[in-house]
Amino acid sequence: MRGIVQPNEPDNDAERAMAFLAERYESDPTVLYGLQVEPHDVIWRDLRPRFTVMVDAIRSKNKKALIAIPGTNWGRDISHAIDNPIKRDNLVYKTHPYDDWSTIQRDYELEAVAKRVPVLIGEFGAGSSMDLDDVESLLDFAEEQGISWAGWLFHDKGCPCMLEDSEDFSVTEYGEIVKERLQSAAMAN
């Protein structure tokens, strides 16, 4: 994967790929389609039409598929869904808020977004900007708001990592937080 540059926004090949995948998996209700991960250096006004075309390409083959719409600014900001969402069914807006808790609260309007559309915190983790207290605050907030989340990364390379060692599955401090939250949720149900 070295030397591969993540494009700022999806191109026509991405639209064709989504249509191909939707046709391939049209009868599989367990497939979650995710549009381009972490678009960057592009504004929602320019990204929204492309995403709408991609959603429609998937819908032409799979009418009920769940589709994840990423935020701008490397997937962080989904606040555009408050006033200008894509007007289609079965969409979830996915954020990757790898920031400190005060920045998340101030800049991303997650509470307001979650009141309008379904939200998935698709990636987060202790690392460069987010520390363990920020992780705890984000997960507390998600629980209070009924927002689903998925931690990143169940491995020991490509951090933020939940594992110290992928051989014996020993966890990092961040991994321990995720593990405890998942165990607690399982016990509550």
Protein backbone atom coordinates (compact mmCIF):
# COMPACT_ATOMS: atom_id res chain seq x y z
CA MET A 1 0.00 0.00 0.00
CA ARG A 2 3.00 2.32 0.05
CA GLY A 3 2.81 5.19 -2.34
CA ILE A 4 -0.98 5.08 -2.54
CA VAL A 5 -2.49 8.49 -2.05
CA GLN A 6 -6.02 8.77 -0.72
CA PRO A 7 -8.01 10.96 -3.11
CA ASN A 8 -9.74 14.06 -1.80
CA GLU A 9 -13.12 12.91 -3.09
CA PRO A 10 -14.56 10.00 -5.04
CA ASP A 11 -14.34 9.91 -8.82
CA ASN A 12 -16.36 8.14 -11.53
CA ASP A 13 -14.56 4.88 -10.79
CA ALA A 14 -15.89 5.00 -7.23
CA GLU A 15 -19.45 5.36 -8.51
CA ARG A 16 -18.98 2.38 -10.85
CA ALA A 17 -17.44 0.36 -8.02
CA MET A 18 -20.42 1.02 -5.74
CA ALA A 19 -22.85 -0.02 -8.50
CA PHE A 20 -20.82 -3.20 -9.11
CA LEU A 21 -20.75 -4.08 -5.41
CA ALA A 22 -24.46 -3.36 -5.02
CA GLU A 23 -25.23 -5.71 -7.89
CA ARG A 24 -22.94 -8.39 -6.50
CA TYR A 25 -24.45 -8.20 -3.00
CA GLU A 26 -27.99 -7.08 -3.85
CA SER A 27 -29.60 -9.98 -1.99
CA ASP A 28 -27.32 -9.76 1.07
CA PRO A 29 -28.92 -7.62 3.80
CA THR A 30 -25.78 -7.72 5.96
CA VAL A 31 -23.67 -5.53 3.66
CA LEU A 32 -23.08 -1.96 4.83
CA TYR A 33 -21.93 0.27 2.00
CA GLY A 34 -19.47 2.98 2.95
CA LEU A 35 -18.81 5.82 0.58
CA GLN A 36 -15.27 7.16 0.35
CA VAL A 37 -13.55 7.07 3.69
CA GLU A 38 -12.27 10.40 4.94
CA PRO A 39 -12.79 12.87 2.10
CA HIS A 40 -10.58 15.90 2.61
CA ASP A 41 -9.80 19.28 1.12
CA VAL A 42 -13.32 19.37 -0.34
CA ILE A 43 -16.47 21.10 0.87
CA TRP A 44 -19.87 19.45 1.36
CA ARG A 45 -21.46 21.56 -1.39
CA ASP A 46 -19.11 19.89 -3.89
CA LEU A 47 -19.16 16.44 -2.29
CA ARG A 48 -22.92 16.07 -1.79
CA PRO A 49 -23.84 15.72 -5.50
CA ARG A 50 -21.21 13.01 -6.02
CA PHE A 51 -22.39 11.12 -2.93
CA THR A 52 -26.01 11.41 -4.08
CA VAL A 53 -25.08 9.83 -7.43
CA MET A 54 -23.21 7.05 -5.58
CA VAL A 55 -26.18 6.41 -3.28
CA ASP A 56 -28.48 6.24 -6.30
CA ALA A 57 -26.09 3.83 -8.04
CA ILE A 58 -26.28 1.52 -5.03
CA ARG A 59 -30.07 1.94 -4.77
CA SER A 60 -30.53 0.97 -8.43
CA LYS A 61 -29.37 -2.54 -7.46
CA ASN A 62 -30.13 -2.74 -3.76
CA LYS A 63 -33.19 -0.79 -2.64
CA LYS A 64 -32.77 -1.37 1.11
CA ALA A 65 -29.02 -1.22 1.64
CA LEU A 66 -27.65 0.73 4.58
CA ILE A 67 -25.18 3.32 3.29
CA ALA A 68 -22.66 5.23 5.41
CA ILE A 69 -22.03 8.83 4.38
CA PRO A 70 -18.67 10.12 5.63
CA GLY A 71 -17.99 13.58 6.89
CA THR A 72 -15.68 16.15 5.36
CA ASN A 73 -12.33 17.11 6.91
CA TRP A 74 -10.97 13.56 6.85
CA GLY A 75 -14.37 12.17 7.88
CA ARG A 76 -14.65 14.25 11.03
CA ASP A 77 -17.35 16.81 10.24
CA ILE A 78 -20.89 15.61 9.53
CA SER A 79 -22.55 18.85 10.64
CA HIS A 80 -23.69 19.44 7.05
CA ALA A 81 -26.36 16.77 7.69
CA ILE A 82 -28.20 19.20 9.97
CA ASP A 83 -29.34 21.52 7.18
CA ASN A 84 -28.32 19.79 3.96
CA PRO A 85 -28.52 15.99 4.23
CA ILE A 86 -28.79 13.66 1.27
CA LYS A 87 -32.50 13.04 0.90
CA ARG A 88 -32.53 9.25 0.65
CA ASP A 89 -33.60 6.44 3.00
CA ASN A 90 -31.37 4.10 5.01
CA LEU A 91 -28.43 6.45 5.37
CA VAL A 92 -26.18 6.83 8.37
CA TYR A 93 -23.71 9.70 8.72
CA LYS A 94 -20.31 8.41 9.78
CA THR A 95 -17.73 10.48 11.62
CA HIS A 96 -14.08 9.87 12.52
CA PRO A 97 -13.55 12.43 15.29
CA TYR A 98 -9.86 11.92 16.07
CA ASP A 99 -9.74 15.13 18.10
CA ASP A 100 -9.75 16.23 21.70
CA TRP A 101 -13.18 16.28 23.32
CA SER A 102 -13.42 20.10 23.44
CA THR A 103 -12.81 20.32 19.67
CA ILE A 104 -15.40 17.61 19.01
CA GLN A 105 -17.97 19.47 21.13
CA ARG A 106 -17.15 22.87 19.65
CA ASP A 107 -16.72 22.03 15.96
CA TYR A 108 -18.72 18.94 15.00
CA GLU A 109 -22.22 19.50 16.41
CA LEU A 110 -22.74 15.76 16.94
CA GLU A 111 -25.67 16.23 19.29
CA ALA A 112 -27.54 18.36 16.74
CA VAL A 113 -26.70 15.96 13.92
CA ALA A 114 -27.86 12.94 15.93
CA LYS A 115 -31.23 14.63 16.48
CA ARG A 116 -31.75 14.84 12.68
CA VAL A 117 -30.13 11.74 11.20
CA PRO A 118 -28.62 8.42 12.31
CA VAL A 119 -24.96 8.75 13.31
CA LEU A 120 -22.12 6.23 13.51
CA ILE A 121 -18.81 7.08 15.12
CA GLY A 122 -16.87 4.92 12.69
CA GLU A 123 -13.34 5.51 13.94
CA PHE A 124 -11.76 7.14 16.95
CA GLY A 125 -8.92 6.35 19.28
CA ALA A 126 -6.21 7.59 21.55
CA GLY A 127 -3.34 9.00 19.55
CA SER A 128 -2.03 12.32 18.38
CA SER A 129 -4.96 14.60 19.27
CA MET A 130 -7.30 12.34 21.25
CA ASP A 131 -6.19 11.06 24.63
CA LEU A 132 -7.78 8.42 26.86
CA ASP A 133 -9.95 10.96 28.70
CA ASP A 134 -11.24 12.18 25.32
CA VAL A 135 -12.08 8.58 24.37
CA GLU A 136 -14.04 8.15 27.61
CA SER A 137 -15.88 11.46 27.07
CA LEU A 138 -16.77 10.54 23.48
CA LEU A 139 -18.08 7.12 24.52
CA ASP A 140 -20.07 8.62 27.41
CA PHE A 141 -21.60 11.08 24.97
CA ALA A 142 -22.37 8.34 22.42
CA GLU A 143 -24.10 6.29 25.10
CA GLU A 144 -26.14 9.28 26.30
CA GLN A 145 -27.19 10.15 22.74
CA GLY A 146 -27.80 6.58 21.54
CA ILE A 147 -25.05 6.87 18.92
CA SER A 148 -23.39 3.68 17.68
CA TRP A 149 -19.62 3.46 17.49
CA ALA A 150 -16.77 1.24 16.34
CA GLY A 151 -13.26 1.56 17.77
CA TRP A 152 -10.19 1.64 15.55
CA LEU A 153 -7.96 -0.51 15.21
CA PHE A 154 -8.12 -4.15 16.40
CA HIS A 155 -4.44 -4.70 15.67
CA ASP A 156 -1.00 -3.71 16.94
CA LYS A 157 0.05 -1.77 13.82
CA GLY A 158 -1.53 1.24 12.11
CA CYS A 159 -2.57 2.97 15.31
CA PRO A 160 -4.48 4.02 17.25
CA CYS A 161 -4.27 0.37 18.15
CA MET A 162 -6.44 -1.57 20.55
CA LEU A 163 -3.86 -4.35 20.78
CA GLU A 164 -0.37 -4.37 22.21
CA ASP A 165 0.25 -7.70 20.51
CA SER A 166 -1.82 -9.30 17.74
CA GLU A 167 -0.47 -12.74 18.63
CA ASP A 168 -1.81 -12.97 22.18
CA PHE A 169 -4.48 -10.22 21.87
CA SER A 170 -3.14 -8.25 24.82
CA VAL A 171 -4.79 -4.83 24.82
CA THR A 172 -3.53 -1.29 25.06
CA GLU A 173 -5.08 1.15 27.54
CA TYR A 174 -7.32 2.35 24.69
CA GLY A 175 -8.19 -1.27 23.86
CA GLU A 176 -9.10 -1.88 27.51
CA ILE A 177 -11.56 1.03 27.43
CA VAL A 178 -13.22 -0.35 24.28
CA LYS A 179 -13.27 -3.88 25.70
CA GLU A 180 -14.86 -2.73 28.97
CA ARG A 181 -17.50 -0.68 27.12
CA LEU A 182 -18.39 -3.61 24.86
CA GLN A 183 -18.57 -6.02 27.79
CA SER A 184 -20.75 -3.59 29.74
CA ALA A 185 -23.13 -3.19 26.79
CA ALA A 186 -23.34 -6.97 26.36
CA MET A 187 -24.14 -7.44 30.06
CA ALA A 188 -26.86 -4.77 29.90
CA ASN A 189 -28.66 -6.63 27.12
